[in-house]
């Protein structure tokens, strides 16, 4: 499964729901930057820490 997310410090916020994996389950993450503008977010996330 591939899913997009936004990295903020040590947290990655997923941009799509992941209902097939239960809370508390261990997952393996393979990180690669998107080919789009990953250094600049067009609109801020809701409830993002300042």
Protein backbone atom coordinates (compact mmCIF):
# COMPACT_ATOMS: atom_id res chain seq x y z
CA UNK A 1 0.00 0.00 0.00
CA UNK A 2 1.31 3.47 -0.85
CA UNK A 3 -0.08 6.53 0.86
CA UNK A 4 0.91 10.18 0.81
CA UNK A 5 1.73 12.13 3.93
CA UNK A 6 3.36 15.32 5.16
CA UNK A 7 6.36 15.22 7.53
CA UNK A 8 6.34 17.67 10.43
CA UNK A 9 9.33 17.10 12.72
CA UNK A 10 9.18 13.45 13.81
CA UNK A 11 5.48 13.09 12.87
CA UNK A 12 4.07 12.13 9.47
CA UNK A 13 0.44 13.10 8.91
CA UNK A 14 -1.31 10.77 6.46
CA UNK A 15 -3.39 12.44 3.78
CA UNK A 16 -5.79 9.52 3.30
CA UNK A 17 -7.70 7.31 5.74
CA UNK A 18 -6.09 3.97 6.60
CA UNK A 19 -8.97 1.85 7.87
CA UNK A 20 -7.40 -1.51 6.98
CA UNK A 21 -4.65 -1.24 9.64
CA UNK A 22 -5.79 -1.28 13.28
CA UNK A 23 -4.58 1.31 15.79
CA UNK A 24 -1.44 0.18 17.61
CA UNK A 25 -0.28 -2.07 14.76
CA UNK A 26 3.42 -1.94 13.87
CA UNK A 27 4.04 -0.83 10.27
CA UNK A 28 7.11 -0.59 8.05
CA UNK A 29 7.69 2.81 6.40
CA UNK A 30 9.85 3.34 3.31
CA UNK A 31 10.34 7.09 2.83
CA UNK A 32 10.95 8.82 -0.46
CA UNK A 33 10.24 12.47 -1.26
CA UNK A 34 7.43 13.16 -3.69
CA UNK A 35 8.46 14.49 -7.08
CA UNK A 36 6.20 17.49 -6.43
CA UNK A 37 7.24 20.44 -4.30
CA UNK A 38 7.94 18.53 -1.08
CA UNK A 39 9.95 21.35 0.49
CA UNK A 40 7.01 23.75 0.38
CA UNK A 41 3.43 23.01 1.42
CA UNK A 42 0.81 24.96 -0.52
CA UNK A 43 -1.72 25.19 2.31
CA UNK A 44 -1.11 24.52 6.02
CA UNK A 45 -2.61 21.50 7.71
CA UNK A 46 -5.38 21.97 10.25
CA UNK A 47 -4.22 21.80 13.87
CA UNK A 48 -0.56 21.78 12.82
CA UNK A 49 1.80 22.89 15.61
CA UNK A 50 3.52 26.21 15.01
